[in-house]
């Protein structure tokens, strides 16, 4: 993991199981902060990657942007917005449209 282009953390040794978590202190500055995460797989079995980032404290003014110079993420973002409208009520899935 890199924060503002400075390497700040890595998981050692990387293992399939057990799933690990790691506490990291982020020295965030006012304004834009760049977080870059690189994940690698050997790809010889059902390897899964997941990353979660939890910010503790009062972060109501934080927003997330993804680098997308060609606009290729737009359909993915729209699909994610739609998926977030799906609910399950009375044995039925209900979506915005």
PDB file of N, CA and C in Angstrom:
ATOM      1  N   UNK A   1       0.848  -1.165   0.000  1.00  0.00           N
ATOM      2  CA  UNK A   1       0.000   0.000   0.000  1.00  0.00           C
ATOM      3  C   UNK A   1       0.894   1.229   0.000  1.00  0.00           C
ATOM      4  N   UNK A   2       0.515   2.191  -0.817  1.00  0.00           N
ATOM      5  CA  UNK A   2       1.222   3.459  -0.878  1.00  0.00           C
ATOM      6  C   UNK A   2       0.249   4.582  -0.539  1.00  0.00           C
ATOM      7  N   UNK A   3       0.702   5.546   0.203  1.00  0.00           N
ATOM      8  CA  UNK A   3      -0.067   6.742   0.514  1.00  0.00           C
ATOM      9  C   UNK A   3       0.731   7.934   0.024  1.00  0.00           C
ATOM     10  N   UNK A   4       0.129   8.691  -0.880  1.00  0.00           N
ATOM     11  CA  UNK A   4       0.805   9.844  -1.492  1.00  0.00           C
ATOM     12  C   UNK A   4       2.183   9.453  -2.003  1.00  0.00           C
ATOM     13  N   UNK A   5       2.221   8.316  -2.705  1.00  0.00           N
ATOM     14  CA  UNK A   5       3.400   7.794  -3.405  1.00  0.00           C
ATOM     15  C   UNK A   5       4.518   7.324  -2.480  1.00  0.00           C
ATOM     16  N   UNK A   6       4.207   7.143  -1.188  1.00  0.00           N
ATOM     17  CA  UNK A   6       5.177   6.624  -0.229  1.00  0.00           C
ATOM     18  C   UNK A   6       4.699   5.249   0.237  1.00  0.00           C
ATOM     19  N   UNK A   7       5.575   4.239   0.145  1.00  0.00           N
ATOM     20  CA  UNK A   7       5.217   2.885   0.563  1.00  0.00           C
ATOM     21  C   UNK A   7       5.018   2.874   2.071  1.00  0.00           C
ATOM     22  N   UNK A   8       3.819   2.411   2.521  1.00  0.00           N
ATOM     23  CA  UNK A   8       3.522   2.463   3.956  1.00  0.00           C
ATOM     24  C   UNK A   8       3.218   1.106   4.571  1.00  0.00           C
ATOM     25  N   UNK A   9       2.859   0.087   3.766  1.00  0.00           N
ATOM     26  CA  UNK A   9       2.478  -1.187   4.377  1.00  0.00           C
ATOM     27  C   UNK A   9       2.483  -2.310   3.361  1.00  0.00           C
ATOM     28  N   UNK A  10       2.663  -3.536   3.871  1.00  0.00           N
ATOM     29  CA  UNK A  10       2.489  -4.739   3.077  1.00  0.00           C
ATOM     30  C   UNK A  10       2.167  -5.892   4.012  1.00  0.00           C
ATOM     31  N   UNK A  11       1.539  -6.918   3.467  1.00  0.00           N
ATOM     32  CA  UNK A  11       1.196  -8.085   4.260  1.00  0.00           C
ATOM     33  C   UNK A  11       2.307  -9.109   4.080  1.00  0.00           C
ATOM     34  N   UNK A  12       2.940  -9.485   5.177  1.00  0.00           N
ATOM     35  CA  UNK A  12       4.020 -10.483   5.139  1.00  0.00           C
ATOM     36  C   UNK A  12       3.746 -11.546   6.166  1.00  0.00           C
ATOM     37  N   UNK A  13       3.878 -12.804   5.855  1.00  0.00           N
ATOM     38  CA  UNK A  13       3.897 -13.329   4.485  1.00  0.00           C
ATOM     39  C   UNK A  13       2.478 -13.386   3.938  1.00  0.00           C
ATOM     40  N   UNK A  14       2.311 -13.187   2.643  1.00  0.00           N
ATOM     41  CA  UNK A  14       0.966 -13.312   2.076  1.00  0.00           C
ATOM     42  C   UNK A  14       0.551 -14.776   2.090  1.00  0.00           C
ATOM     43  N   UNK A  15      -0.625 -15.075   2.604  1.00  0.00           N
ATOM     44  CA  UNK A  15      -1.111 -16.449   2.698  1.00  0.00           C
ATOM     45  C   UNK A  15      -2.560 -16.529   2.235  1.00  0.00           C
ATOM     46  N   UNK A  16      -2.962 -17.740   1.837  1.00  0.00           N
ATOM     47  CA  UNK A  16      -4.333 -17.981   1.403  1.00  0.00           C
ATOM     48  C   UNK A  16      -5.279 -17.967   2.601  1.00  0.00           C
ATOM     49  N   UNK A  17      -4.904 -18.698   3.642  1.00  0.00           N
ATOM     50  CA  UNK A  17      -5.688 -18.740   4.870  1.00  0.00           C
ATOM     51  C   UNK A  17      -4.733 -18.763   6.039  1.00  0.00           C
ATOM     52  N   UNK A  18      -5.043 -18.226   7.153  1.00  0.00           N
ATOM     53  CA  UNK A  18      -6.282 -17.523   7.474  1.00  0.00           C
ATOM     54  C   UNK A  18      -6.282 -16.108   6.888  1.00  0.00           C
ATOM     55  N   UNK A  19      -7.468 -15.579   6.689  1.00  0.00           N
ATOM     56  CA  UNK A  19      -7.586 -14.198   6.225  1.00  0.00           C
ATOM     57  C   UNK A  19      -6.961 -13.296   7.276  1.00  0.00           C
ATOM     58  N   UNK A  20      -6.171 -12.349   6.833  1.00  0.00           N
ATOM     59  CA  UNK A  20      -5.464 -11.458   7.755  1.00  0.00           C
ATOM     60  C   UNK A  20      -6.055 -10.052   7.705  1.00  0.00           C
ATOM     61  N   UNK A  21      -5.908  -9.361   8.799  1.00  0.00           N
ATOM     62  CA  UNK A  21      -6.175  -7.931   8.782  1.00  0.00           C
ATOM     63  C   UNK A  21      -4.949  -7.232   9.354  1.00  0.00           C
ATOM     64  N   UNK A  22      -4.824  -5.988   9.031  1.00  0.00           N
ATOM     65  CA  UNK A  22      -3.641  -5.248   9.449  1.00  0.00           C
ATOM     66  C   UNK A  22      -4.055  -3.818   9.767  1.00  0.00           C
ATOM     67  N   UNK A  23      -3.712  -3.365  10.955  1.00  0.00           N
ATOM     68  CA  UNK A  23      -3.982  -1.980  11.327  1.00  0.00           C
ATOM     69  C   UNK A  23      -2.875  -1.098  10.770  1.00  0.00           C
ATOM     70  N   UNK A  24      -3.273  -0.009  10.144  1.00  0.00           N
ATOM     71  CA  UNK A  24      -2.322   0.926   9.548  1.00  0.00           C
ATOM     72  C   UNK A  24      -2.752   2.336   9.917  1.00  0.00           C
ATOM     73  N   UNK A  25      -1.830   3.135  10.359  1.00  0.00           N
ATOM     74  CA  UNK A  25      -2.112   4.546  10.606  1.00  0.00           C
ATOM     75  C   UNK A  25      -1.845   5.311   9.315  1.00  0.00           C
ATOM     76  N   UNK A  26      -2.852   6.018   8.839  1.00  0.00           N
ATOM     77  CA  UNK A  26      -2.710   6.812   7.617  1.00  0.00           C
ATOM     78  C   UNK A  26      -2.475   8.268   7.999  1.00  0.00           C
ATOM     79  N   UNK A  27      -1.371   8.802   7.555  1.00  0.00           N
ATOM     80  CA  UNK A  27      -1.051  10.202   7.808  1.00  0.00           C
ATOM     81  C   UNK A  27      -1.666  11.044   6.690  1.00  0.00           C
ATOM     82  N   UNK A  28      -2.995  11.227   6.778  1.00  0.00           N
ATOM     83  CA  UNK A  28      -3.710  11.961   5.734  1.00  0.00           C
ATOM     84  C   UNK A  28      -3.478  13.453   5.890  1.00  0.00           C
ATOM     85  N   UNK A  29      -3.342  14.122   4.759  1.00  0.00           N
ATOM     86  CA  UNK A  29      -3.187  15.577   4.778  1.00  0.00           C
ATOM     87  C   UNK A  29      -4.503  16.208   4.317  1.00  0.00           C
ATOM     88  N   UNK A  30      -4.669  17.460   4.585  1.00  0.00           N
ATOM     89  CA  UNK A  30      -5.859  18.173   4.129  1.00  0.00           C
ATOM     90  C   UNK A  30      -5.808  18.256   2.606  1.00  0.00           C
ATOM     91  N   UNK A  31      -6.931  18.008   1.972  1.00  0.00           N
ATOM     92  CA  UNK A  31      -6.978  18.028   0.514  1.00  0.00           C
ATOM     93  C   UNK A  31      -6.893  16.617  -0.042  1.00  0.00           C
ATOM     94  N   UNK A  32      -6.348  16.500  -1.221  1.00  0.00           N
ATOM     95  CA  UNK A  32      -6.285  15.221  -1.930  1.00  0.00           C
ATOM     96  C   UNK A  32      -5.179  14.323  -1.378  1.00  0.00           C
ATOM     97  N   UNK A  33      -5.519  13.056  -1.142  1.00  0.00           N
ATOM     98  CA  UNK A  33      -4.566  12.024  -0.744  1.00  0.00           C
ATOM     99  C   UNK A  33      -4.722  10.867  -1.725  1.00  0.00           C
ATOM    100  N   UNK A  34      -3.623  10.340  -2.212  1.00  0.00           N
ATOM    101  CA  UNK A  34      -3.650   9.228  -3.151  1.00  0.00           C
ATOM    102  C   UNK A  34      -3.286   7.943  -2.423  1.00  0.00           C
ATOM    103  N   UNK A  35      -4.183   6.956  -2.486  1.00  0.00           N
ATOM    104  CA  UNK A  35      -3.917   5.640  -1.910  1.00  0.00           C
ATOM    105  C   UNK A  35      -3.867   4.653  -3.067  1.00  0.00           C
ATOM    106  N   UNK A  36      -2.771   3.908  -3.151  1.00  0.00           N
ATOM    107  CA  UNK A  36      -2.572   2.917  -4.205  1.00  0.00           C
ATOM    108  C   UNK A  36      -2.353   1.566  -3.544  1.00  0.00           C
ATOM    109  N   UNK A  37      -3.098   0.566  -3.994  1.00  0.00           N
ATOM    110  CA  UNK A  37      -2.986  -0.774  -3.435  1.00  0.00           C
ATOM    111  C   UNK A  37      -2.692  -1.741  -4.577  1.00  0.00           C
ATOM    112  N   UNK A  38      -1.634  -2.526  -4.422  1.00  0.00           N
ATOM    113  CA  UNK A  38      -1.286  -3.536  -5.420  1.00  0.00           C
ATOM    114  C   UNK A  38      -1.502  -4.912  -4.804  1.00  0.00           C
ATOM    115  N   UNK A  39      -2.204  -5.777  -5.546  1.00  0.00           N
ATOM    116  CA  UNK A  39      -2.463  -7.133  -5.069  1.00  0.00           C
ATOM    117  C   UNK A  39      -2.019  -8.097  -6.161  1.00  0.00           C
ATOM    118  N   UNK A  40      -1.402  -9.203  -5.753  1.00  0.00           N
ATOM    119  CA  UNK A  40      -0.911 -10.184  -6.706  1.00  0.00           C
ATOM    120  C   UNK A  40      -1.428 -11.570  -6.355  1.00  0.00           C
ATOM    121  N   UNK A  41      -1.672 -12.385  -7.381  1.00  0.00           N
ATOM    122  CA  UNK A  41      -2.077 -13.781  -7.223  1.00  0.00           C
ATOM    123  C   UNK A  41      -1.173 -14.658  -8.069  1.00  0.00           C
ATOM    124  N   UNK A  42      -0.919 -15.855  -7.568  1.00  0.00           N
ATOM    125  CA  UNK A  42      -0.213 -16.838  -8.375  1.00  0.00           C
ATOM    126  C   UNK A  42      -1.154 -17.434  -9.416  1.00  0.00           C
ATOM    127  N   UNK A  43      -2.414 -17.560  -9.085  1.00  0.00           N
ATOM    128  CA  UNK A  43      -3.419 -17.986 -10.047  1.00  0.00           C
ATOM    129  C   UNK A  43      -3.444 -19.482 -10.316  1.00  0.00           C
ATOM    130  N   UNK A  44      -3.064 -20.308  -9.355  1.00  0.00           N
ATOM    131  CA  UNK A  44      -3.060 -21.747  -9.577  1.00  0.00           C
ATOM    132  C   UNK A  44      -4.214 -22.452  -8.869  1.00  0.00           C
ATOM    133  N   UNK A  45      -5.030 -21.718  -8.147  1.00  0.00           N
ATOM    134  CA  UNK A  45      -6.195 -22.297  -7.480  1.00  0.00           C
ATOM    135  C   UNK A  45      -7.248 -21.216  -7.282  1.00  0.00           C
ATOM    136  N   UNK A  46      -8.188 -21.421  -6.419  1.00  0.00           N
ATOM    137  CA  UNK A  46      -9.289 -20.469  -6.245  1.00  0.00           C
ATOM    138  C   UNK A  46      -8.880 -19.309  -5.333  1.00  0.00           C
ATOM    139  N   UNK A  47      -7.817 -18.655  -5.717  1.00  0.00           N
ATOM    140  CA  UNK A  47      -7.309 -17.540  -4.921  1.00  0.00           C
ATOM    141  C   UNK A  47      -8.273 -16.363  -5.002  1.00  0.00           C
ATOM    142  N   UNK A  48      -8.532 -15.751  -3.854  1.00  0.00           N
ATOM    143  CA  UNK A  48      -9.422 -14.587  -3.798  1.00  0.00           C
ATOM    144  C   UNK A  48      -8.682 -13.431  -3.153  1.00  0.00           C
ATOM    145  N   UNK A  49      -8.947 -12.268  -3.642  1.00  0.00           N
ATOM    146  CA  UNK A  49      -8.413 -11.052  -3.036  1.00  0.00           C
ATOM    147  C   UNK A  49      -9.563 -10.177  -2.599  1.00  0.00           C
ATOM    148  N   UNK A  50      -9.391  -9.548  -1.470  1.00  0.00           N
ATOM    149  CA  UNK A  50     -10.352  -8.547  -1.027  1.00  0.00           C
ATOM    150  C   UNK A  50      -9.576  -7.526  -0.204  1.00  0.00           C
ATOM    151  N   UNK A  51      -9.964  -6.288  -0.346  1.00  0.00           N
ATOM    152  CA  UNK A  51      -9.337  -5.232   0.443  1.00  0.00           C
ATOM    153  C   UNK A  51     -10.458  -4.400   1.049  1.00  0.00           C
ATOM    154  N   UNK A  52     -10.317  -4.084   2.292  1.00  0.00           N
ATOM    155  CA  UNK A  52     -11.274  -3.223   2.966  1.00  0.00           C
ATOM    156  C   UNK A  52     -10.513  -2.098   3.634  1.00  0.00           C
ATOM    157  N   UNK A  53     -11.059  -0.936   3.607  1.00  0.00           N
ATOM    158  CA  UNK A  53     -10.433   0.218   4.235  1.00  0.00           C
ATOM    159  C   UNK A  53     -11.464   0.857   5.150  1.00  0.00           C
ATOM    160  N   UNK A  54     -11.155   0.906   6.424  1.00  0.00           N
ATOM    161  CA  UNK A  54     -12.061   1.493   7.410  1.00  0.00           C
ATOM    162  C   UNK A  54     -11.369   2.709   8.016  1.00  0.00           C
ATOM    163  N   UNK A  55     -12.000   3.849   7.881  1.00  0.00           N
ATOM    164  CA  UNK A  55     -11.479   5.077   8.481  1.00  0.00           C
ATOM    165  C   UNK A  55     -12.256   5.337   9.757  1.00  0.00           C
ATOM    166  N   UNK A  56     -11.549   5.461  10.860  1.00  0.00           N
ATOM    167  CA  UNK A  56     -12.185   5.692  12.150  1.00  0.00           C
ATOM    168  C   UNK A  56     -12.145   7.174  12.475  1.00  0.00           C
ATOM    169  N   UNK A  57     -13.226   7.691  13.003  1.00  0.00           N
ATOM    170  CA  UNK A  57     -13.278   9.105  13.355  1.00  0.00           C
ATOM    171  C   UNK A  57     -14.337   9.817  12.537  1.00  0.00           C
ATOM    172  N   UNK A  58     -14.271  11.125  12.542  1.00  0.00           N
ATOM    173  CA  UNK A  58     -15.239  11.962  11.831  1.00  0.00           C
ATOM    174  C   UNK A  58     -14.704  12.267  10.441  1.00  0.00           C
ATOM    175  N   UNK A  59     -15.169  11.499   9.458  1.00  0.00           N
ATOM    176  CA  UNK A  59     -14.687  11.667   8.090  1.00  0.00           C
ATOM    177  C   UNK A  59     -15.839  11.968   7.139  1.00  0.00           C
ATOM    178  N   UNK A  60     -16.795  12.768   7.569  1.00  0.00           N
ATOM    179  CA  UNK A  60     -17.970  13.031   6.741  1.00  0.00           C
ATOM    180  C   UNK A  60     -17.634  13.793   5.462  1.00  0.00           C
ATOM    181  N   UNK A  61     -16.512  14.485   5.421  1.00  0.00           N
ATOM    182  CA  UNK A  61     -16.150  15.271   4.237  1.00  0.00           C
ATOM    183  C   UNK A  61     -15.233  14.526   3.275  1.00  0.00           C
ATOM    184  N   UNK A  62     -14.991  13.233   3.514  1.00  0.00           N
ATOM    185  CA  UNK A  62     -14.115  12.462   2.637  1.00  0.00           C
ATOM    186  C   UNK A  62     -14.923  11.901   1.483  1.00  0.00           C
ATOM    187  N   UNK A  63     -14.359  11.933   0.290  1.00  0.00           N
ATOM    188  CA  UNK A  63     -14.977  11.319  -0.881  1.00  0.00           C
ATOM    189  C   UNK A  63     -13.930  10.462  -1.578  1.00  0.00           C
ATOM    190  N   UNK A  64     -14.409   9.551  -2.402  1.00  0.00           N
ATOM    191  CA  UNK A  64     -13.532   8.631  -3.111  1.00  0.00           C
ATOM    192  C   UNK A  64     -13.643   8.897  -4.602  1.00  0.00           C
ATOM    193  N   UNK A  65     -12.513   8.965  -5.266  1.00  0.00           N
ATOM    194  CA  UNK A  65     -12.492   9.059  -6.722  1.00  0.00           C
ATOM    195  C   UNK A  65     -11.575   7.964  -7.242  1.00  0.00           C
ATOM    196  N   UNK A  66     -11.895   7.453  -8.418  1.00  0.00           N
ATOM    197  CA  UNK A  66     -11.082   6.428  -9.049  1.00  0.00           C
ATOM    198  C   UNK A  66     -10.413   7.005 -10.290  1.00  0.00           C
ATOM    199  N   UNK A  67      -9.146   6.665 -10.514  1.00  0.00           N
ATOM    200  CA  UNK A  67      -8.498   7.148 -11.731  1.00  0.00           C
ATOM    201  C   UNK A  67      -9.144   6.505 -12.951  1.00  0.00           C
ATOM    202  N   UNK A  68      -9.649   7.300 -13.861  1.00  0.00           N
ATOM    203  CA  UNK A  68     -10.353   6.774 -15.023  1.00  0.00           C
ATOM    204  C   UNK A  68     -10.253   7.764 -16.178  1.00  0.00           C
ATOM    205  N   UNK A  69      -9.045   7.926 -16.728  1.00  0.00           N
ATOM    206  CA  UNK A  69      -8.859   8.956 -17.762  1.00  0.00           C
ATOM    207  C   UNK A  69      -9.688   8.737 -19.020  1.00  0.00           C
ATOM    208  N   UNK A  70     -10.074   7.497 -19.335  1.00  0.00           N
ATOM    209  CA  UNK A  70     -10.826   7.221 -20.554  1.00  0.00           C
ATOM    210  C   UNK A  70     -12.320   7.039 -20.325  1.00  0.00           C
ATOM    211  N   UNK A  71     -12.775   7.179 -19.079  1.00  0.00           N
ATOM    212  CA  UNK A  71     -14.188   7.032 -18.782  1.00  0.00           C
ATOM    213  C   UNK A  71     -14.702   5.609 -18.891  1.00  0.00           C
ATOM    214  N   UNK A  72     -13.814   4.619 -18.795  1.00  0.00           N
ATOM    215  CA  UNK A  72     -14.234   3.230 -18.966  1.00  0.00           C
ATOM    216  C   UNK A  72     -14.924   2.661 -17.739  1.00  0.00           C
ATOM    217  N   UNK A  73     -14.797   3.315 -16.590  1.00  0.00           N
ATOM    218  CA  UNK A  73     -15.429   2.802 -15.375  1.00  0.00           C
ATOM    219  C   UNK A  73     -16.891   3.212 -15.242  1.00  0.00           C
ATOM    220  N   UNK A  74     -17.370   4.110 -16.076  1.00  0.00           N
ATOM    221  CA  UNK A  74     -18.733   4.617 -15.945  1.00  0.00           C
ATOM    222  C   UNK A  74     -19.773   3.499 -15.896  1.00  0.00           C
ATOM    223  N   UNK A  75     -19.757   2.515 -16.815  1.00  0.00           N
ATOM    224  CA  UNK A  75     -20.756   1.436 -16.726  1.00  0.00           C
ATOM    225  C   UNK A  75     -20.650   0.628 -15.432  1.00  0.00           C
ATOM    226  N   UNK A  76     -19.451   0.435 -14.936  1.00  0.00           N
ATOM    227  CA  UNK A  76     -19.258  -0.312 -13.691  1.00  0.00           C
ATOM    228  C   UNK A  76     -19.828   0.477 -12.513  1.00  0.00           C
ATOM    229  N   UNK A  77     -19.586   1.763 -12.488  1.00  0.00           N
ATOM    230  CA  UNK A  77     -20.102   2.617 -11.412  1.00  0.00           C
ATOM    231  C   UNK A  77     -21.625   2.650 -11.450  1.00  0.00           C
ATOM    232  N   UNK A  78     -22.197   2.756 -12.639  1.00  0.00           N
ATOM    233  CA  UNK A  78     -23.660   2.759 -12.763  1.00  0.00           C
ATOM    234  C   UNK A  78     -24.243   1.420 -12.319  1.00  0.00           C
ATOM    235  N   UNK A  79     -23.586   0.320 -12.665  1.00  0.00           N
ATOM    236  CA  UNK A  79     -24.058  -0.996 -12.227  1.00  0.00           C
ATOM    237  C   UNK A  79     -23.987  -1.111 -10.713  1.00  0.00           C
ATOM    238  N   UNK A  80     -22.929  -0.578 -10.118  1.00  0.00           N
ATOM    239  CA  UNK A  80     -22.795  -0.606  -8.660  1.00  0.00           C
ATOM    240  C   UNK A  80     -23.909   0.203  -7.998  1.00  0.00           C
ATOM    241  N   UNK A  81     -24.214   1.365  -8.552  1.00  0.00           N
ATOM    242  CA  UNK A  81     -25.304   2.188  -8.001  1.00  0.00           C
ATOM    243  C   UNK A  81     -26.621   1.416  -8.060  1.00  0.00           C
ATOM    244  N   UNK A  82     -26.875   0.729  -9.185  1.00  0.00           N
ATOM    245  CA  UNK A  82     -28.103  -0.046  -9.316  1.00  0.00           C
ATOM    246  C   UNK A  82     -28.127  -1.193  -8.316  1.00  0.00           C
ATOM    247  N   UNK A  83     -27.013  -1.922  -8.193  1.00  0.00           N
ATOM    248  CA  UNK A  83     -26.953  -3.041  -7.244  1.00  0.00           C
ATOM    249  C   UNK A  83     -27.249  -2.585  -5.818  1.00  0.00           C
ATOM    250  N   UNK A  84     -26.845  -1.378  -5.488  1.00  0.00           N
ATOM    251  CA  UNK A  84     -27.093  -0.852  -4.150  1.00  0.00           C
ATOM    252  C   UNK A  84     -28.558  -0.516  -3.904  1.00  0.00           C
ATOM    253  N   UNK A  85     -29.399  -0.533  -4.955  1.00  0.00           N
ATOM    254  CA  UNK A  85     -30.827  -0.299  -4.775  1.00  0.00           C
ATOM    255  C   UNK A  85     -31.583  -1.597  -4.529  1.00  0.00           C
ATOM    256  N   UNK A  86     -30.951  -2.730  -4.748  1.00  0.00           N
ATOM    257  CA  UNK A  86     -31.626  -4.024  -4.619  1.00  0.00           C
ATOM    258  C   UNK A  86     -31.892  -4.342  -3.147  1.00  0.00           C
ATOM    259  N   UNK A  87     -33.145  -4.697  -2.869  1.00  0.00           N
ATOM    260  CA  UNK A  87     -33.540  -5.126  -1.522  1.00  0.00           C
ATOM    261  C   UNK A  87     -34.308  -6.436  -1.634  1.00  0.00           C
ATOM    262  N   UNK A  88     -34.456  -7.096  -0.514  1.00  0.00           N
ATOM    263  CA  UNK A  88     -35.197  -8.356  -0.467  1.00  0.00           C
ATOM    264  C   UNK A  88     -36.345  -8.188   0.520  1.00  0.00           C
ATOM    265  N   UNK A  89     -37.581  -8.240  -0.002  1.00  0.00           N
ATOM    266  CA  UNK A  89     -38.781  -8.086   0.834  1.00  0.00           C
ATOM    267  C   UNK A  89     -39.818  -9.106   0.404  1.00  0.00           C
ATOM    268  N   UNK A  90     -40.433  -9.720   1.367  1.00  0.00           N
ATOM    269  CA  UNK A  90     -41.545 -10.657   1.128  1.00  0.00           C
ATOM    270  C   UNK A  90     -41.170 -11.693   0.064  1.00  0.00           C
ATOM    271  N   UNK A  91     -40.012 -12.315   0.223  1.00  0.00           N
ATOM    272  CA  UNK A  91     -39.542 -13.363  -0.689  1.00  0.00           C
ATOM    273  C   UNK A  91     -39.311 -12.891  -2.121  1.00  0.00           C
ATOM    274  N   UNK A  92     -39.035 -11.593  -2.311  1.00  0.00           N
ATOM    275  CA  UNK A  92     -38.782 -11.048  -3.627  1.00  0.00           C
ATOM    276  C   UNK A  92     -37.616 -10.081  -3.590  1.00  0.00           C
ATOM    277  N   UNK A  93     -36.842 -10.064  -4.658  1.00  0.00           N
ATOM    278  CA  UNK A  93     -35.830  -9.029  -4.826  1.00  0.00           C
ATOM    279  C   UNK A  93     -36.465  -7.856  -5.527  1.00  0.00           C
ATOM    280  N   UNK A  94     -36.216  -6.652  -5.026  1.00  0.00           N
ATOM    281  CA  UNK A  94     -36.791  -5.436  -5.592  1.00  0.00           C
ATOM    282  C   UNK A  94     -35.630  -4.492  -5.906  1.00  0.00           C
ATOM    283  N   UNK A  95     -35.666  -3.920  -7.128  1.00  0.00           N
ATOM    284  CA  UNK A  95     -34.622  -2.977  -7.547  1.00  0.00           C
ATOM    285  C   UNK A  95     -35.249  -1.681  -8.026  1.00  0.00           C
ATOM    286  N   UNK A  96     -34.425  -0.669  -8.193  1.00  0.00           N
ATOM    287  CA  UNK A  96     -34.912   0.649  -8.585  1.00  0.00           C
ATOM    288  C   UNK A  96     -35.601   0.622  -9.955  1.00  0.00           C
ATOM    289  N   UNK A  97     -35.138  -0.204 -10.841  1.00  0.00           N
ATOM    290  CA  UNK A  97     -35.760  -0.295 -12.168  1.00  0.00           C
ATOM    291  C   UNK A  97     -35.557  -1.670 -12.754  1.00  0.00           C
TER     292      UNK A  97
END
